[in-house]
């Protein structure tokens, strides 16, 4: 496989989505309103990570564009839990991509304690050969959820499968992190 060629539409997708979504934040700021978006990041999954998934999931290289929904990934961070749903509503109103799937791990945390709102989209990229529809994943989460997920991800990749004690401690920390998010929302509501 020619990886350099393969990644071109994904790199363009992440680049365009970051500009567009950061533009939403700027629009709020220019209008003098609080933005539900704190910041936006994005990445294209590495070749090594894709190759590992090919082996682990027994994927066909010719179907990667269909079988891997998160080669292109964008993450939107919010301050407050309720802002996650405001951002999701903003994304649902957009006409520059089509939402294919939504998974609410904010209200329904994974057993590990992971929380985030995932949206799989089909994004039309304009290539010199014409339009190409690319699958991408947008994750929306609070900064606290992001901190927990970043640490948990780092530990899993460094240590592989976590022992039961460490996994339980991380789950408890996730609950504490979510309690912090809820407390911050309550404080915000008092304003």
N, C-alpha and C. Protein backbone atom coordinates (compact mmCIF):
# COMPACT_ATOMS: atom_id res chain seq x y z
N UNK A 1 0.84 -1.18 0.00
CA UNK A 1 0.00 0.00 0.00
C UNK A 1 0.89 1.25 0.00
N UNK A 2 0.46 2.24 -0.76
CA UNK A 2 1.16 3.52 -0.78
C UNK A 2 0.57 4.40 0.33
N UNK A 3 1.22 4.37 1.49
CA UNK A 3 0.68 5.07 2.66
C UNK A 3 0.64 6.58 2.47
N UNK A 4 1.64 7.14 1.81
CA UNK A 4 1.64 8.60 1.59
C UNK A 4 0.39 9.02 0.83
N UNK A 5 0.05 8.28 -0.20
CA UNK A 5 -1.14 8.58 -1.00
C UNK A 5 -2.41 8.33 -0.17
N UNK A 6 -2.43 7.23 0.59
CA UNK A 6 -3.58 6.85 1.39
C UNK A 6 -3.97 7.96 2.38
N UNK A 7 -2.98 8.59 3.01
CA UNK A 7 -3.25 9.56 4.07
C UNK A 7 -3.70 10.92 3.57
N UNK A 8 -3.48 11.25 2.30
CA UNK A 8 -3.79 12.60 1.79
C UNK A 8 -5.21 13.06 2.13
N UNK A 9 -6.26 12.30 1.80
CA UNK A 9 -7.61 12.82 2.09
C UNK A 9 -7.90 12.92 3.59
N UNK A 10 -7.27 12.08 4.40
CA UNK A 10 -7.49 12.13 5.84
C UNK A 10 -6.82 13.36 6.45
N UNK A 11 -5.63 13.67 5.99
CA UNK A 11 -4.94 14.87 6.45
C UNK A 11 -5.76 16.11 6.09
N UNK A 12 -6.29 16.13 4.87
CA UNK A 12 -7.10 17.27 4.43
C UNK A 12 -8.38 17.36 5.25
N UNK A 13 -9.01 16.23 5.53
CA UNK A 13 -10.24 16.21 6.32
C UNK A 13 -10.01 16.80 7.70
N UNK A 14 -8.96 16.35 8.40
CA UNK A 14 -8.68 16.86 9.74
C UNK A 14 -8.38 18.35 9.69
N UNK A 15 -7.58 18.75 8.71
CA UNK A 15 -7.22 20.16 8.58
C UNK A 15 -8.46 21.04 8.37
N UNK A 16 -9.33 20.64 7.47
CA UNK A 16 -10.53 21.42 7.17
C UNK A 16 -11.49 21.46 8.36
N UNK A 17 -11.68 20.31 9.00
CA UNK A 17 -12.60 20.27 10.14
C UNK A 17 -12.10 21.13 11.30
N UNK A 18 -10.80 21.11 11.55
CA UNK A 18 -10.26 21.95 12.63
C UNK A 18 -10.51 23.42 12.34
N UNK A 19 -10.30 23.85 11.11
CA UNK A 19 -10.54 25.25 10.75
C UNK A 19 -12.01 25.59 10.93
N UNK A 20 -12.89 24.75 10.45
CA UNK A 20 -14.33 25.02 10.52
C UNK A 20 -14.83 25.05 11.97
N UNK A 21 -14.38 24.10 12.77
CA UNK A 21 -14.88 24.01 14.14
C UNK A 21 -14.27 25.09 15.04
N UNK A 22 -13.01 25.44 14.78
CA UNK A 22 -12.42 26.58 15.50
C UNK A 22 -13.13 27.88 15.09
N UNK A 23 -13.61 27.92 13.86
CA UNK A 23 -14.37 29.07 13.38
C UNK A 23 -15.65 29.27 14.17
N UNK A 24 -16.28 28.17 14.60
CA UNK A 24 -17.48 28.28 15.43
C UNK A 24 -17.17 29.02 16.73
N UNK A 25 -16.05 28.65 17.35
CA UNK A 25 -15.64 29.30 18.60
C UNK A 25 -15.44 30.80 18.35
N UNK A 26 -14.78 31.13 17.26
CA UNK A 26 -14.53 32.54 16.95
C UNK A 26 -15.83 33.30 16.72
N UNK A 27 -16.81 32.65 16.10
CA UNK A 27 -18.10 33.30 15.87
C UNK A 27 -18.77 33.67 17.20
N UNK A 28 -18.73 32.75 18.15
CA UNK A 28 -19.28 33.03 19.48
C UNK A 28 -18.55 34.21 20.12
N UNK A 29 -17.22 34.17 20.07
CA UNK A 29 -16.42 35.23 20.69
C UNK A 29 -16.71 36.59 20.06
N UNK A 30 -16.80 36.64 18.74
CA UNK A 30 -17.06 37.91 18.03
C UNK A 30 -18.44 38.46 18.36
N UNK A 31 -19.38 37.55 18.67
CA UNK A 31 -20.73 38.01 19.00
C UNK A 31 -20.86 38.33 20.49
N UNK A 32 -19.77 38.14 21.25
CA UNK A 32 -19.79 38.45 22.67
C UNK A 32 -20.44 37.39 23.53
N UNK A 33 -20.66 36.21 22.97
CA UNK A 33 -21.28 35.12 23.72
C UNK A 33 -20.22 34.13 24.19
N UNK A 34 -20.54 33.41 25.28
CA UNK A 34 -19.65 32.34 25.73
C UNK A 34 -19.73 31.20 24.73
N UNK A 35 -18.58 30.71 24.32
CA UNK A 35 -18.53 29.60 23.38
C UNK A 35 -18.63 28.27 24.12
N UNK A 36 -19.43 27.34 23.59
CA UNK A 36 -19.46 26.01 24.19
C UNK A 36 -18.18 25.23 23.85
N UNK A 37 -17.42 25.74 22.90
CA UNK A 37 -16.18 25.08 22.47
C UNK A 37 -15.00 25.78 23.14
N UNK A 38 -14.23 25.02 23.89
CA UNK A 38 -13.04 25.58 24.54
C UNK A 38 -11.85 25.50 23.58
N UNK A 39 -11.60 24.31 23.02
CA UNK A 39 -10.59 24.20 21.97
C UNK A 39 -10.81 22.94 21.15
N UNK A 40 -10.16 22.90 20.00
CA UNK A 40 -10.32 21.82 19.03
C UNK A 40 -8.94 21.27 18.67
N UNK A 41 -8.82 19.96 18.70
CA UNK A 41 -7.58 19.30 18.25
C UNK A 41 -7.95 18.27 17.20
N UNK A 42 -6.96 17.78 16.51
CA UNK A 42 -7.21 16.75 15.51
C UNK A 42 -5.95 15.99 15.21
N UNK A 43 -6.13 14.80 14.68
CA UNK A 43 -4.99 13.99 14.31
C UNK A 43 -5.43 12.96 13.27
N UNK A 44 -4.44 12.48 12.53
CA UNK A 44 -4.64 11.35 11.63
C UNK A 44 -3.94 10.17 12.29
N UNK A 45 -4.65 9.06 12.39
CA UNK A 45 -4.09 7.86 13.02
C UNK A 45 -2.79 7.49 12.32
N UNK A 46 -1.81 7.08 13.09
CA UNK A 46 -0.50 6.75 12.53
C UNK A 46 -0.55 5.44 11.73
N UNK A 47 0.38 5.31 10.83
CA UNK A 47 0.50 4.08 10.04
C UNK A 47 0.69 2.88 10.97
N UNK A 48 1.53 3.03 11.98
CA UNK A 48 1.79 1.92 12.92
C UNK A 48 0.51 1.50 13.64
N UNK A 49 -0.30 2.47 14.05
CA UNK A 49 -1.54 2.17 14.75
C UNK A 49 -2.53 1.47 13.81
N UNK A 50 -2.59 1.91 12.56
CA UNK A 50 -3.47 1.26 11.59
C UNK A 50 -3.00 -0.17 11.32
N UNK A 51 -1.70 -0.35 11.15
CA UNK A 51 -1.17 -1.69 10.89
C UNK A 51 -1.43 -2.62 12.08
N UNK A 52 -1.35 -2.10 13.29
CA UNK A 52 -1.64 -2.90 14.48
C UNK A 52 -3.11 -3.33 14.48
N UNK A 53 -4.00 -2.40 14.10
CA UNK A 53 -5.43 -2.74 14.04
C UNK A 53 -5.72 -3.74 12.93
N UNK A 54 -5.01 -3.65 11.82
CA UNK A 54 -5.19 -4.61 10.73
C UNK A 54 -4.93 -6.02 11.26
N UNK A 55 -3.85 -6.17 12.00
CA UNK A 55 -3.49 -7.49 12.54
C UNK A 55 -4.48 -7.91 13.63
N UNK A 56 -4.73 -7.03 14.59
CA UNK A 56 -5.58 -7.37 15.74
C UNK A 56 -7.00 -7.69 15.33
N UNK A 57 -7.54 -6.94 14.36
CA UNK A 57 -8.94 -7.13 13.96
C UNK A 57 -9.09 -7.95 12.67
N UNK A 58 -7.97 -8.41 12.11
CA UNK A 58 -7.98 -9.18 10.86
C UNK A 58 -8.69 -8.42 9.74
N UNK A 59 -8.28 -7.16 9.55
CA UNK A 59 -8.91 -6.30 8.55
C UNK A 59 -8.27 -6.48 7.19
N UNK A 60 -9.06 -6.24 6.17
CA UNK A 60 -8.59 -6.26 4.79
C UNK A 60 -8.07 -4.86 4.45
N UNK A 61 -6.81 -4.76 4.02
CA UNK A 61 -6.22 -3.45 3.67
C UNK A 61 -7.05 -2.69 2.66
N UNK A 62 -7.72 -3.40 1.78
CA UNK A 62 -8.51 -2.75 0.73
C UNK A 62 -9.81 -2.15 1.26
N UNK A 63 -10.18 -2.48 2.50
CA UNK A 63 -11.43 -1.97 3.08
C UNK A 63 -11.20 -1.01 4.24
N UNK A 64 -9.98 -0.55 4.44
CA UNK A 64 -9.67 0.31 5.59
C UNK A 64 -10.54 1.55 5.64
N UNK A 65 -10.77 2.15 4.49
CA UNK A 65 -11.56 3.39 4.44
C UNK A 65 -12.99 3.17 4.93
N UNK A 66 -13.47 1.93 4.87
CA UNK A 66 -14.82 1.61 5.34
C UNK A 66 -14.82 1.03 6.75
N UNK A 67 -13.79 0.24 7.07
CA UNK A 67 -13.76 -0.49 8.35
C UNK A 67 -13.19 0.30 9.51
N UNK A 68 -12.38 1.31 9.25
CA UNK A 68 -11.82 2.15 10.32
C UNK A 68 -12.45 3.54 10.23
N UNK A 69 -13.28 3.84 11.21
CA UNK A 69 -14.02 5.10 11.18
C UNK A 69 -13.23 6.25 11.79
N UNK A 70 -12.10 5.96 12.41
CA UNK A 70 -11.38 7.00 13.14
C UNK A 70 -9.97 7.25 12.61
N UNK A 71 -9.74 6.99 11.35
CA UNK A 71 -8.42 7.32 10.78
C UNK A 71 -8.23 8.83 10.88
N UNK A 72 -9.29 9.56 10.55
CA UNK A 72 -9.30 11.02 10.76
C UNK A 72 -10.09 11.27 12.03
N UNK A 73 -9.48 11.98 12.97
CA UNK A 73 -10.15 12.23 14.24
C UNK A 73 -10.01 13.67 14.68
N UNK A 74 -11.12 14.22 15.15
CA UNK A 74 -11.14 15.58 15.68
C UNK A 74 -11.76 15.50 17.07
N UNK A 75 -11.18 16.26 17.98
CA UNK A 75 -11.68 16.29 19.36
C UNK A 75 -12.04 17.73 19.71
N UNK A 76 -13.25 17.90 20.25
CA UNK A 76 -13.72 19.20 20.69
C UNK A 76 -13.83 19.15 22.21
N UNK A 77 -13.13 20.05 22.88
CA UNK A 77 -13.17 20.12 24.33
C UNK A 77 -14.10 21.24 24.77
N UNK A 78 -14.86 20.97 25.82
CA UNK A 78 -15.76 21.94 26.42
C UNK A 78 -15.39 22.14 27.89
N UNK A 79 -15.90 23.20 28.48
CA UNK A 79 -15.69 23.40 29.92
C UNK A 79 -16.69 22.58 30.72
N UNK A 80 -17.93 22.54 30.24
CA UNK A 80 -19.03 21.98 31.01
C UNK A 80 -19.71 20.84 30.26
N UNK A 81 -20.28 19.91 31.03
CA UNK A 81 -20.96 18.74 30.44
C UNK A 81 -22.08 19.18 29.51
N UNK A 82 -22.89 20.16 29.94
CA UNK A 82 -24.02 20.57 29.11
C UNK A 82 -23.56 21.17 27.77
N UNK A 83 -22.35 21.71 27.75
CA UNK A 83 -21.81 22.25 26.49
C UNK A 83 -21.57 21.14 25.47
N UNK A 84 -21.32 19.93 25.94
CA UNK A 84 -21.14 18.80 25.02
C UNK A 84 -22.37 18.68 24.14
N UNK A 85 -23.54 18.72 24.76
CA UNK A 85 -24.79 18.54 24.01
C UNK A 85 -25.12 19.75 23.14
N UNK A 86 -24.70 20.94 23.58
CA UNK A 86 -24.84 22.12 22.73
C UNK A 86 -24.02 21.95 21.46
N UNK A 87 -22.78 21.49 21.62
CA UNK A 87 -21.90 21.26 20.47
C UNK A 87 -22.48 20.17 19.57
N UNK A 88 -22.98 19.09 20.16
CA UNK A 88 -23.58 18.02 19.35
C UNK A 88 -24.74 18.57 18.53
N UNK A 89 -25.58 19.42 19.13
CA UNK A 89 -26.69 20.03 18.39
C UNK A 89 -26.17 20.92 17.25
N UNK A 90 -25.09 21.67 17.50
CA UNK A 90 -24.49 22.49 16.45
C UNK A 90 -24.00 21.60 15.30
N UNK A 91 -23.40 20.49 15.63
CA UNK A 91 -22.89 19.57 14.60
C UNK A 91 -24.03 18.95 13.80
N UNK A 92 -25.13 18.65 14.45
CA UNK A 92 -26.29 18.07 13.76
C UNK A 92 -26.89 19.04 12.75
N UNK A 93 -26.71 20.34 12.98
CA UNK A 93 -27.28 21.35 12.08
C UNK A 93 -26.42 21.60 10.84
N UNK A 94 -25.21 21.11 10.84
CA UNK A 94 -24.29 21.41 9.74
C UNK A 94 -24.70 20.66 8.47
N UNK A 95 -24.42 21.30 7.34
CA UNK A 95 -24.74 20.68 6.05
C UNK A 95 -23.49 20.30 5.26
N UNK A 96 -22.30 20.52 5.85
CA UNK A 96 -21.06 20.23 5.13
C UNK A 96 -20.54 18.82 5.39
N UNK A 97 -21.26 18.04 6.18
CA UNK A 97 -20.95 16.62 6.35
C UNK A 97 -22.22 15.91 6.80
N UNK A 98 -22.20 14.60 6.72
CA UNK A 98 -23.36 13.80 7.12
C UNK A 98 -22.99 12.97 8.35
N UNK A 99 -23.84 13.04 9.37
CA UNK A 99 -23.64 12.21 10.56
C UNK A 99 -24.16 10.81 10.26
N UNK A 100 -23.30 9.82 10.48
CA UNK A 100 -23.68 8.43 10.25
C UNK A 100 -24.04 7.70 11.54
N UNK A 101 -23.37 8.09 12.64
CA UNK A 101 -23.55 7.35 13.89
C UNK A 101 -23.20 8.25 15.07
N UNK A 102 -23.93 8.07 16.17
CA UNK A 102 -23.64 8.79 17.40
C UNK A 102 -23.59 7.78 18.55
N UNK A 103 -22.60 7.97 19.44
CA UNK A 103 -22.49 7.12 20.62
C UNK A 103 -22.27 8.02 21.83
N UNK A 104 -23.21 7.99 22.77
CA UNK A 104 -23.16 8.85 23.95
C UNK A 104 -22.54 8.09 25.12
N UNK A 105 -21.22 8.25 25.28
CA UNK A 105 -20.53 7.67 26.43
C UNK A 105 -20.44 8.68 27.57
N UNK A 106 -21.11 9.82 27.43
CA UNK A 106 -21.17 10.78 28.53
C UNK A 106 -22.24 10.31 29.51
N UNK A 107 -23.44 10.10 29.01
CA UNK A 107 -24.54 9.61 29.85
C UNK A 107 -24.39 8.12 30.16
N UNK A 108 -23.75 7.40 29.26
CA UNK A 108 -23.58 5.95 29.40
C UNK A 108 -22.10 5.61 29.33
N UNK A 109 -21.40 5.85 30.43
CA UNK A 109 -19.95 5.62 30.45
C UNK A 109 -19.63 4.16 30.16
N UNK A 110 -18.47 3.95 29.54
CA UNK A 110 -17.98 2.58 29.34
C UNK A 110 -17.63 1.99 30.70
N UNK A 111 -17.57 0.67 30.82
CA UNK A 111 -17.23 0.04 32.11
C UNK A 111 -15.90 0.56 32.70
N UNK A 112 -14.98 0.96 31.85
CA UNK A 112 -13.69 1.47 32.32
C UNK A 112 -13.81 2.84 32.98
N UNK A 113 -14.95 3.51 32.73
CA UNK A 113 -15.13 4.87 33.22
C UNK A 113 -14.99 5.91 32.13
N UNK A 114 -14.64 5.48 30.93
CA UNK A 114 -14.45 6.40 29.80
C UNK A 114 -15.75 7.13 29.48
N UNK A 115 -15.62 8.46 29.30
CA UNK A 115 -16.77 9.29 28.92
C UNK A 115 -16.37 10.21 27.77
N UNK A 116 -17.23 10.28 26.79
CA UNK A 116 -17.05 11.17 25.65
C UNK A 116 -18.26 10.97 24.74
N UNK A 117 -18.52 11.92 23.88
CA UNK A 117 -19.59 11.78 22.90
C UNK A 117 -18.93 11.59 21.54
N UNK A 118 -19.20 10.46 20.87
CA UNK A 118 -18.57 10.15 19.60
C UNK A 118 -19.58 10.31 18.46
N UNK A 119 -19.12 10.96 17.42
CA UNK A 119 -19.94 11.14 16.22
C UNK A 119 -19.11 10.71 15.02
N UNK A 120 -19.62 9.74 14.27
CA UNK A 120 -18.96 9.32 13.04
C UNK A 120 -19.64 10.07 11.89
N UNK A 121 -18.80 10.71 11.09
CA UNK A 121 -19.33 11.50 9.98
C UNK A 121 -18.76 11.01 8.65
N UNK A 122 -19.46 11.38 7.59
CA UNK A 122 -18.95 11.20 6.23
C UNK A 122 -18.68 12.60 5.71
N UNK A 123 -17.41 12.86 5.46
CA UNK A 123 -16.99 14.22 5.08
C UNK A 123 -16.54 14.23 3.62
N UNK A 124 -17.11 15.13 2.79
CA UNK A 124 -16.72 15.19 1.39
C UNK A 124 -15.43 16.02 1.20
N UNK A 125 -14.40 15.37 0.75
CA UNK A 125 -13.12 16.04 0.49
C UNK A 125 -13.00 16.25 -1.02
N UNK A 126 -12.60 17.46 -1.39
CA UNK A 126 -12.43 17.76 -2.81
C UNK A 126 -11.00 17.42 -3.22
N UNK A 127 -10.86 16.37 -4.01
CA UNK A 127 -9.56 15.94 -4.52
C UNK A 127 -9.47 16.36 -5.99
N UNK A 128 -8.29 16.34 -6.56
CA UNK A 128 -8.17 16.72 -7.97
C UNK A 128 -8.90 15.72 -8.88
N UNK A 129 -9.15 14.52 -8.35
CA UNK A 129 -9.88 13.51 -9.12
C UNK A 129 -11.39 13.60 -8.90
N UNK A 130 -11.81 14.54 -8.05
CA UNK A 130 -13.23 14.70 -7.74
C UNK A 130 -13.47 14.53 -6.26
N UNK A 131 -14.73 14.50 -5.90
CA UNK A 131 -15.09 14.40 -4.49
C UNK A 131 -14.87 12.99 -3.96
N UNK A 132 -14.32 12.92 -2.75
CA UNK A 132 -14.11 11.64 -2.07
C UNK A 132 -14.74 11.77 -0.70
N UNK A 133 -15.61 10.83 -0.33
CA UNK A 133 -16.24 10.86 0.98
C UNK A 133 -15.40 10.06 1.96
N UNK A 134 -14.99 10.73 3.03
CA UNK A 134 -14.08 10.16 4.01
C UNK A 134 -14.81 10.00 5.34
N UNK A 135 -14.62 8.86 5.98
CA UNK A 135 -15.16 8.68 7.32
C UNK A 135 -14.22 9.36 8.32
N UNK A 136 -14.80 10.03 9.30
CA UNK A 136 -14.03 10.68 10.36
C UNK A 136 -14.83 10.58 11.64
N UNK A 137 -14.10 10.68 12.76
CA UNK A 137 -14.77 10.64 14.05
C UNK A 137 -14.54 11.96 14.77
N UNK A 138 -15.63 12.51 15.30
CA UNK A 138 -15.55 13.71 16.13
C UNK A 138 -15.89 13.28 17.55
N UNK A 139 -14.99 13.59 18.48
CA UNK A 139 -15.24 13.30 19.89
C UNK A 139 -15.46 14.64 20.60
N UNK A 140 -16.50 14.69 21.43
CA UNK A 140 -16.80 15.90 22.19
C UNK A 140 -16.78 15.51 23.66
N UNK A 141 -15.96 16.22 24.45
CA UNK A 141 -15.83 15.90 25.88
C UNK A 141 -15.37 17.12 26.64
N UNK A 142 -15.55 17.07 27.95
CA UNK A 142 -15.04 18.16 28.78
C UNK A 142 -13.53 18.03 28.90
N UNK A 143 -12.92 19.11 29.36
CA UNK A 143 -11.47 19.08 29.57
C UNK A 143 -11.10 18.06 30.65
N UNK A 144 -11.95 17.90 31.66
CA UNK A 144 -11.70 16.92 32.71
C UNK A 144 -11.79 15.50 32.15
N UNK A 145 -12.79 15.23 31.33
CA UNK A 145 -12.91 13.92 30.69
C UNK A 145 -11.70 13.64 29.81
N UNK A 146 -11.23 14.68 29.13
CA UNK A 146 -10.08 14.52 28.26
C UNK A 146 -8.81 14.21 29.06
N UNK A 147 -8.65 14.88 30.19
CA UNK A 147 -7.50 14.61 31.04
C UNK A 147 -7.50 13.15 31.48
N UNK A 148 -8.64 12.66 31.98
CA UNK A 148 -8.74 11.28 32.43
C UNK A 148 -8.46 10.32 31.27
N UNK A 149 -9.09 10.55 30.12
CA UNK A 149 -8.93 9.65 28.98
C UNK A 149 -7.49 9.62 28.47
N UNK A 150 -6.82 10.77 28.52
CA UNK A 150 -5.42 10.83 28.07
C UNK A 150 -4.52 10.00 28.99
N UNK A 151 -4.72 10.13 30.29
CA UNK A 151 -3.91 9.36 31.25
C UNK A 151 -4.23 7.87 31.13
N UNK A 152 -5.51 7.53 31.06
CA UNK A 152 -5.91 6.12 30.95
C UNK A 152 -5.35 5.49 29.69
N UNK A 153 -5.42 6.20 28.57
CA UNK A 153 -4.90 5.71 27.30
C UNK A 153 -3.40 5.48 27.39
N UNK A 154 -2.70 6.44 27.99
CA UNK A 154 -1.25 6.34 28.14
C UNK A 154 -0.88 5.11 28.98
N UNK A 155 -1.59 4.88 30.07
CA UNK A 155 -1.30 3.73 30.93
C UNK A 155 -1.57 2.41 30.21
N UNK A 156 -2.66 2.36 29.46
CA UNK A 156 -2.98 1.11 28.73
C UNK A 156 -1.92 0.80 27.67
N UNK A 157 -1.43 1.82 26.98
CA UNK A 157 -0.44 1.57 25.96
C UNK A 157 0.93 1.24 26.54
N UNK A 158 1.24 1.79 27.70
CA UNK A 158 2.52 1.50 28.34
C UNK A 158 2.52 0.14 29.02
N UNK A 159 1.37 -0.22 29.63
CA UNK A 159 1.31 -1.43 30.44
C UNK A 159 0.51 -2.56 29.80
N UNK A 160 -0.08 -2.32 28.65
CA UNK A 160 -0.94 -3.34 28.06
C UNK A 160 -2.20 -3.47 28.88
N UNK A 161 -2.67 -4.69 29.08
CA UNK A 161 -3.86 -4.92 29.89
C UNK A 161 -3.57 -4.53 31.33
N UNK A 162 -4.41 -3.69 31.89
CA UNK A 162 -4.21 -3.20 33.26
C UNK A 162 -4.65 -4.25 34.27
N UNK A 163 -3.91 -4.35 35.37
CA UNK A 163 -4.34 -5.28 36.42
C UNK A 163 -5.63 -4.75 37.05
N UNK A 164 -6.31 -5.62 37.76
CA UNK A 164 -7.63 -5.29 38.29
C UNK A 164 -7.59 -4.09 39.24
N UNK A 165 -6.57 -4.02 40.09
CA UNK A 165 -6.46 -2.92 41.04
C UNK A 165 -6.33 -1.58 40.32
N UNK A 166 -5.43 -1.52 39.35
CA UNK A 166 -5.22 -0.28 38.60
C UNK A 166 -6.47 0.10 37.80
N UNK A 167 -7.10 -0.90 37.19
CA UNK A 167 -8.33 -0.63 36.43
C UNK A 167 -9.42 -0.08 37.35
N UNK A 168 -9.56 -0.65 38.54
CA UNK A 168 -10.56 -0.17 39.49
C UNK A 168 -10.25 1.25 39.96
N UNK A 169 -8.97 1.53 40.20
CA UNK A 169 -8.58 2.88 40.62
C UNK A 169 -8.89 3.89 39.53
N UNK A 170 -8.63 3.53 38.29
CA UNK A 170 -8.93 4.44 37.18
C UNK A 170 -10.44 4.67 37.04
N UNK A 171 -11.21 3.62 37.24
CA UNK A 171 -12.67 3.76 37.17
C UNK A 171 -13.16 4.70 38.27
N UNK A 172 -12.61 4.56 39.48
CA UNK A 172 -12.99 5.45 40.58
C UNK A 172 -12.59 6.90 40.27
N UNK A 173 -11.41 7.07 39.67
CA UNK A 173 -10.98 8.42 39.28
C UNK A 173 -11.91 9.00 38.23
N UNK A 174 -12.39 8.17 37.33
CA UNK A 174 -13.35 8.65 36.33
C UNK A 174 -14.61 9.14 37.00
N UNK A 175 -15.09 8.41 38.00
CA UNK A 175 -16.29 8.82 38.74
C UNK A 175 -16.04 10.15 39.45
N UNK A 176 -14.86 10.30 40.03
CA UNK A 176 -14.51 11.56 40.70
C UNK A 176 -14.43 12.70 39.70
N UNK A 177 -13.87 12.41 38.52
CA UNK A 177 -13.75 13.43 37.48
C UNK A 177 -15.13 13.87 37.02
N UNK A 178 -16.03 12.91 36.86
CA UNK A 178 -17.39 13.26 36.43
C UNK A 178 -18.11 14.04 37.52
N UNK A 179 -17.87 13.69 38.79
CA UNK A 179 -18.45 14.46 39.90
C UNK A 179 -17.94 15.90 39.86
N UNK A 180 -16.67 16.07 39.54
CA UNK A 180 -16.10 17.42 39.40
C UNK A 180 -16.82 18.17 38.28
N UNK A 181 -17.00 17.50 37.13
CA UNK A 181 -17.71 18.12 36.01
C UNK A 181 -19.11 18.55 36.43
N UNK A 182 -19.81 17.69 37.16
CA UNK A 182 -21.17 18.01 37.58
C UNK A 182 -21.18 19.18 38.57
N UNK A 183 -20.20 19.21 39.46
CA UNK A 183 -20.10 20.31 40.43
C UNK A 183 -19.85 21.63 39.71
N UNK A 184 -18.98 21.60 38.73
CA UNK A 184 -18.70 22.82 37.96
C UNK A 184 -19.95 23.31 37.24
N UNK A 185 -20.74 22.38 36.71
CA UNK A 185 -21.99 22.76 36.04
C UNK A 185 -22.96 23.39 37.03
N UNK A 186 -23.02 22.85 38.25
CA UNK A 186 -23.90 23.42 39.27
C UNK A 186 -23.45 24.83 39.65
N UNK A 187 -22.13 25.03 39.78
CA UNK A 187 -21.61 26.35 40.10
C UNK A 187 -21.93 27.33 38.98
N UNK A 188 -21.77 26.87 37.75
CA UNK A 188 -22.08 27.72 36.60
C UNK A 188 -23.55 28.14 36.61
N UNK A 189 -24.43 27.24 36.99
CA UNK A 189 -25.87 27.52 36.99
C UNK A 189 -26.24 28.58 38.02
N UNK A 190 -25.44 28.74 39.07
CA UNK A 190 -25.70 29.73 40.11
C UNK A 190 -25.44 31.14 39.61
N UNK A 191 -24.48 31.27 38.69
CA UNK A 191 -24.08 32.61 38.19
C UNK A 191 -25.24 33.48 37.87
